[in-house]
Protein backbone atom coordinates (compact mmCIF):
# COMPACT_ATOMS: atom_id res chain seq x y z
CA MET A 1 105.37 108.41 70.61
CA SER A 2 105.09 106.56 73.97
CA ASP A 3 108.67 105.00 73.42
CA TYR A 4 109.77 108.48 73.20
CA ILE A 5 107.92 109.69 76.21
CA SER A 6 109.34 106.65 78.55
CA THR A 7 112.91 107.43 77.33
CA THR A 8 112.85 110.91 78.09
CA LEU A 9 111.35 110.20 81.62
CA LEU A 10 114.55 107.79 82.24
CA LEU A 11 116.73 110.42 81.56
CA LEU A 12 115.07 112.47 84.24
CA PRO A 13 117.48 112.56 87.25
CA PHE A 14 115.02 112.00 89.91
CA VAL A 15 114.11 108.54 87.97
CA GLY A 16 117.51 107.57 87.53
CA THR A 17 118.06 108.19 91.55
CA ALA A 18 115.17 105.92 92.20
CA LEU A 19 116.24 103.27 89.85
CA VAL A 20 119.45 103.10 91.82
CA ALA A 21 117.64 103.07 95.01
CA ALA A 22 115.24 100.09 93.36
CA ALA A 23 118.21 98.22 92.47
CA VAL A 24 119.93 98.24 96.09
CA LEU A 25 116.39 97.77 97.75
CA GLY A 26 115.69 94.62 95.31
CA VAL A 27 119.29 93.02 96.10
CA LEU A 28 118.40 93.53 99.94
CA ALA A 29 115.15 92.01 99.92
CA GLY A 30 116.04 89.29 97.47
CA VAL A 31 118.77 88.03 99.81
CA LEU A 32 116.76 88.44 103.33
CA GLY A 33 113.70 87.22 101.80
CA PRO A 34 114.19 83.60 101.88
CA LEU A 35 114.94 83.71 105.43
CA ILE A 36 111.86 85.54 106.20
CA VAL A 37 109.72 82.78 104.26
CA THR A 38 111.60 79.83 105.93
CA ARG A 39 111.15 81.22 109.49
CA ASN A 40 107.69 82.32 108.79
CA MET A 41 108.07 85.86 109.33
CA ALA A 42 105.85 87.55 106.78
CA PHE A 43 103.43 88.85 109.07
CA SER A 44 105.98 90.60 111.28
CA VAL A 45 107.38 92.16 107.95
CA HIS A 46 103.81 93.94 107.62
CA GLY A 47 103.82 94.79 111.41
CA THR A 48 107.16 96.55 111.27
CA SER A 49 106.16 98.33 108.22
CA GLU A 50 103.51 99.95 109.78
CA LEU A 51 105.82 101.33 112.48
CA ALA A 52 107.96 102.67 109.70
CA LEU A 53 105.11 104.20 108.47
CA THR A 54 104.46 105.84 112.02
CA GLY A 55 108.05 106.75 112.13
CA GLY A 56 108.09 108.41 108.62
CA ALA A 57 105.13 110.29 109.43
CA ALA A 58 106.74 111.63 112.42
CA ALA A 59 109.77 112.67 110.46
CA LEU A 60 107.55 114.08 107.68
CA LEU A 61 105.71 116.38 110.58
CA ALA A 62 109.13 117.55 112.18
CA GLY A 63 110.40 118.49 108.76
CA ILE A 64 113.28 115.92 108.47
CA ASN A 65 114.36 113.17 106.11
CA VAL A 66 111.43 110.41 106.01
CA GLY A 67 113.88 108.19 105.49
CA TYR A 68 115.56 108.42 109.09
CA GLY A 69 112.12 108.48 110.79
CA SER A 70 111.33 105.04 109.28
CA LEU A 71 114.26 103.43 110.00
CA ILE A 72 114.15 104.39 113.72
CA GLY A 73 110.14 103.55 113.59
CA ALA A 74 111.08 99.99 112.22
CA VAL A 75 113.89 99.16 114.71
CA VAL A 76 111.56 100.38 117.47
CA ALA A 77 109.06 97.83 116.16
CA ALA A 78 111.61 95.11 115.86
CA VAL A 79 112.94 95.51 119.66
CA ILE A 80 108.93 95.90 120.74
CA LEU A 81 108.08 92.30 118.82
CA GLY A 82 111.24 91.03 120.33
CA LEU A 83 110.48 91.99 123.96
CA LEU A 84 106.52 91.28 123.81
CA THR A 85 107.26 87.96 121.78
CA ARG A 86 108.21 85.45 124.48
CA LYS A 87 106.08 82.34 123.06
CA VAL A 88 105.35 81.07 119.56
CA SER A 89 101.93 80.68 120.45
CA GLU A 90 101.67 84.54 121.24
CA HIS A 91 103.57 85.82 117.84
CA ASP A 92 100.69 86.44 115.68
CA SER A 93 98.45 88.14 118.38
CA VAL A 94 101.41 90.44 119.31
CA ILE A 95 102.15 91.37 115.81
CA GLY A 96 98.43 92.51 115.14
CA ALA A 97 98.63 94.74 118.13
CA VAL A 98 101.90 96.38 117.24
CA LEU A 99 100.41 96.89 113.58
CA ALA A 100 97.19 98.09 114.62
CA PHE A 101 99.12 100.45 117.08
CA GLY A 102 101.59 101.61 114.80
CA LEU A 103 99.04 102.39 111.82
CA GLY A 104 96.69 104.12 114.19
CA VAL A 105 99.29 106.51 115.22
CA GLY A 106 100.54 106.88 111.97
CA VAL A 107 97.31 108.07 110.58
CA LEU A 108 96.95 110.44 113.23
CA LEU A 109 100.38 112.08 112.99
CA LEU A 110 99.69 112.33 109.11
CA SER A 111 96.41 114.40 109.78
CA PHE A 112 98.46 116.93 111.38
CA TYR A 113 100.63 117.13 108.32
CA GLU A 114 99.53 120.40 106.14
CA GLY A 115 102.21 120.11 103.48
CA ASN A 116 101.88 118.61 100.22
CA SER A 117 99.04 115.52 100.28
CA ALA A 118 101.52 113.59 97.97
CA ASN A 119 104.07 113.32 100.70
CA LYS A 120 101.46 111.61 102.76
CA PHE A 121 100.18 109.44 100.17
CA GLY A 122 103.55 108.54 99.33
CA LEU A 123 104.27 106.90 102.74
CA LEU A 124 101.42 104.72 102.09
CA ILE A 125 101.97 103.60 98.42
CA GLY A 126 105.16 104.79 97.43
CA GLN A 127 106.45 107.65 95.68
CA ILE A 128 109.74 107.49 93.29
CA ALA A 129 110.09 111.55 93.15
CA SER A 130 110.72 111.20 96.91
CA VAL A 131 114.28 109.26 96.68
CA ASP A 132 116.36 112.05 96.80
CA PRO A 133 120.34 111.87 96.73
CA GLY A 134 120.40 112.30 100.55
CA SER A 135 117.72 109.35 101.03
CA LEU A 136 120.01 107.42 98.39
CA VAL A 137 123.13 107.64 100.36
CA LEU A 138 121.08 106.54 103.72
CA LEU A 139 119.52 103.50 101.76
CA VAL A 140 123.03 102.48 100.32
CA SER A 141 124.93 102.61 103.52
CA ALA A 142 122.09 101.23 105.77
CA ALA A 143 121.92 98.07 103.03
CA VAL A 144 125.55 97.67 103.15
CA GLY A 145 125.31 97.49 106.81
CA VAL A 146 122.52 94.92 106.68
CA LEU A 147 124.54 92.75 104.38
CA VAL A 148 127.62 93.07 106.29
CA VAL A 149 126.09 91.89 109.58
CA LEU A 150 124.22 89.07 107.71
CA ALA A 151 127.26 87.95 106.19
CA PHE A 152 128.52 87.08 109.40
CA ILE A 153 125.27 85.49 110.87
CA TYR A 154 123.98 83.69 107.49
CA ARG A 155 124.97 80.20 108.71
CA PRO A 156 124.04 80.01 111.85
CA LEU A 157 120.68 81.86 110.94
CA LEU A 158 120.15 79.55 108.18
CA PHE A 159 120.73 76.62 110.40
CA ALA A 160 118.41 77.99 112.75
CA SER A 161 115.63 78.75 110.56
CA VAL A 162 115.72 75.21 109.01
CA ASP A 163 115.37 73.43 112.17
CA ALA A 164 115.63 75.66 115.43
CA GLU A 165 115.61 72.59 117.73
CA VAL A 166 118.43 70.99 116.40
CA ALA A 167 120.24 74.28 116.01
CA ALA A 168 119.53 75.00 119.81
CA ALA A 169 121.06 71.70 120.47
CA ARG A 170 124.20 72.18 118.87
CA GLY A 171 124.64 75.79 120.65
CA VAL A 172 123.58 78.27 118.06
CA PRO A 173 122.31 81.20 120.35
CA LEU A 174 118.84 81.46 119.24
CA ARG A 175 118.16 84.30 121.73
CA VAL A 176 120.77 86.61 119.95
CA LEU A 177 120.17 85.54 116.21
CA SER A 178 116.44 85.85 116.40
CA PRO A 179 116.21 89.62 117.49
CA VAL A 180 119.01 90.71 115.27
CA PHE A 181 117.33 89.35 112.22
CA ALA A 182 114.38 91.17 113.21
CA VAL A 183 116.35 94.19 113.23
CA LEU A 184 117.84 93.67 109.92
CA VAL A 185 114.63 92.78 108.49
CA GLY A 186 113.40 96.07 110.19
CA VAL A 187 115.84 98.21 108.54
CA ALA A 188 114.96 96.65 105.16
CA THR A 189 111.19 97.04 105.70
CA ALA A 190 111.85 100.80 106.22
CA LEU A 191 114.21 101.22 103.22
CA GLY A 192 111.28 100.21 101.05
CA VAL A 193 108.65 102.48 102.37
CA GLN A 194 109.68 105.37 100.07
CA THR A 195 109.84 103.24 97.35
CA VAL A 196 106.62 100.95 97.33
CA GLY A 197 105.17 102.29 100.53
CA SER A 198 104.44 100.90 104.19
CA LEU A 199 101.18 99.11 102.84
CA LEU A 200 102.57 96.94 99.63
CA VAL A 201 106.18 96.62 100.78
CA LEU A 202 105.19 93.05 101.21
CA SER A 203 105.43 92.73 97.38
CA LEU A 204 109.24 93.33 97.71
CA MET A 205 110.19 91.58 100.71
CA ILE A 206 108.13 88.44 100.51
CA THR A 207 106.32 87.65 97.24
CA PRO A 208 109.76 87.10 95.24
CA ALA A 209 111.13 84.90 97.90
CA ALA A 210 107.77 83.05 98.06
CA ALA A 211 107.70 82.70 94.39
CA ALA A 212 111.64 81.12 94.20
CA SER A 213 110.42 78.62 97.33
CA ARG A 214 108.09 77.10 94.67
CA VAL A 215 110.60 76.22 92.20
CA THR A 216 113.60 75.06 94.58
CA ALA A 217 114.70 73.79 97.53
CA SER A 218 118.03 75.12 97.33
CA PRO A 219 118.87 78.09 99.57
CA LEU A 220 121.39 79.44 97.35
CA VAL A 221 119.49 79.06 94.24
CA ALA A 222 116.33 80.27 96.43
CA THR A 223 118.39 83.58 97.12
CA VAL A 224 119.54 83.95 93.63
CA LEU A 225 116.04 83.83 92.23
CA SER A 226 114.72 85.86 94.85
CA ILE A 227 117.01 88.94 94.25
CA VAL A 228 116.09 88.55 90.22
CA PHE A 229 112.37 88.35 90.79
CA ALA A 230 112.88 91.28 93.08
CA GLU A 231 114.84 93.40 90.51
CA LEU A 232 112.24 92.36 87.78
CA ALA A 233 109.37 93.60 90.03
CA VAL A 234 110.77 96.74 91.42
CA LEU A 235 112.65 98.15 88.23
CA GLY A 236 109.90 96.90 85.92
CA GLY A 237 107.41 98.78 88.15
CA ILE A 238 109.20 101.86 88.39
CA VAL A 239 109.61 101.83 84.54
CA LEU A 240 105.97 100.90 83.71
CA SER A 241 104.79 103.56 86.16
CA LEU A 242 106.42 106.42 84.27
CA VAL A 243 103.97 107.14 81.43
CA PRO A 244 100.65 106.87 83.09
CA GLY A 245 101.94 108.49 86.34
CA LYS A 246 100.34 105.81 88.35
CA PRO A 247 101.80 104.91 91.92
CA VAL A 248 104.99 102.44 91.34
CA SER A 249 103.85 100.03 94.14
CA ALA A 250 100.59 99.08 91.97
CA PHE A 251 103.28 97.71 89.18
CA VAL A 252 105.52 96.31 91.63
CA THR A 253 102.86 94.39 93.40
CA ALA A 254 101.27 93.09 89.93
CA ILE A 255 104.73 92.06 88.54
CA SER A 256 105.51 90.11 91.90
CA PHE A 257 102.24 88.25 91.97
CA LEU A 258 102.25 87.38 88.17
CA ILE A 259 106.01 86.00 89.04
CA TYR A 260 104.71 84.11 91.95
CA LEU A 261 101.61 82.75 89.83
CA VAL A 262 104.12 81.48 87.21
CA CYS A 263 106.41 79.67 89.72
CA ARG A 264 103.42 78.09 91.58
CA LEU A 265 102.65 76.60 88.25
CA VAL A 266 105.91 75.63 87.62
CA GLY A 267 106.36 73.95 90.99
CA VAL A 268 102.77 72.14 90.25
CA LEU A 269 103.89 70.86 86.80
CA ARG A 270 107.16 69.60 88.21
CA ALA A 271 105.58 67.85 91.35
CA ARG A 272 103.17 65.92 88.82
CA ARG A 273 106.34 64.94 86.68
CA ILE A 274 108.43 63.61 89.38
CA GLY A 275 105.13 61.93 90.98
CA SER A 276 104.53 60.40 87.47
CA GLY A 277 107.72 59.42 87.16
CA ARG A 278 107.82 57.73 90.40
CA GLY A 279 104.95 55.96 89.80
CA MET A 280 106.43 54.58 86.46
CA ALA A 281 109.18 53.59 88.18
CA SER A 282 107.09 51.58 90.87
CA ALA A 283 105.50 49.85 88.04
CA HIS A 284 108.38 48.83 86.47
CA LEU A 285 109.87 47.10 89.61
CA ALA A 286 106.39 45.50 90.34
CA VAL A 287 106.48 44.06 87.05
CA GLY A 288 109.95 43.03 87.31
CA ALA A 289 109.19 41.49 90.57
CA GLY A 290 106.29 39.59 89.25
CA THR A 291 108.89 37.73 86.20
CA PRO A 292 109.99 34.59 86.81
């Protein structure tokens, strides 16, 4: 019976739209995630999501597409963080201040909204029914734009992410790349607000990439794994949420965290195996050195 209900729900138009949107978002999060993790920008994603919430709340109150409001709010957040963060030492404090401000203003704007309470709740934890065809067009267009820009700056950005000092010495324009990447992350974060909500967008933007980093040191492999993990989490989360009718973000978060735990375990076991292999090799060398 439950299989029949699940199949019937999957055939609904809004579910199909949500799945397409989720697939696009999974690719975007999977590509950006490893760079975000390498650059230690996980906290900035959370701060950006709060201003995306503020923009979405303003759009909801104004009666326009929430996606546009979220995009504007996220871009504003990226610009603010870029302008206020002059030193690495003040990075976290600036993000914390922006995060608190954005969440406070967002909650205030939502308090003025007298429409369907599910719309307000959806901005916080996601709502697949809110992804209409218009939102899908916006999401796909913005995602393509982000990926095109990223394709042009990926190599110097990866170089700067791995070793900023050497990259600067080689002439890589860090002052240009950093704010551009911050805007790209802001756009991707805003696109995730409608699907998984502003409070749990980290489960898609960060956790899959963090899981991938536990099992490989290769940027290419990490990116591929991050995309696969993000797709499993977001698509699986939507499908699992259909029958109980519960918030999709709870399922996306659970799947992401489970993948992370498995990858962390695999990483620990692999490190022990490598360590054991090196120990045996050292022992053989020692024995060989002691043989006359």
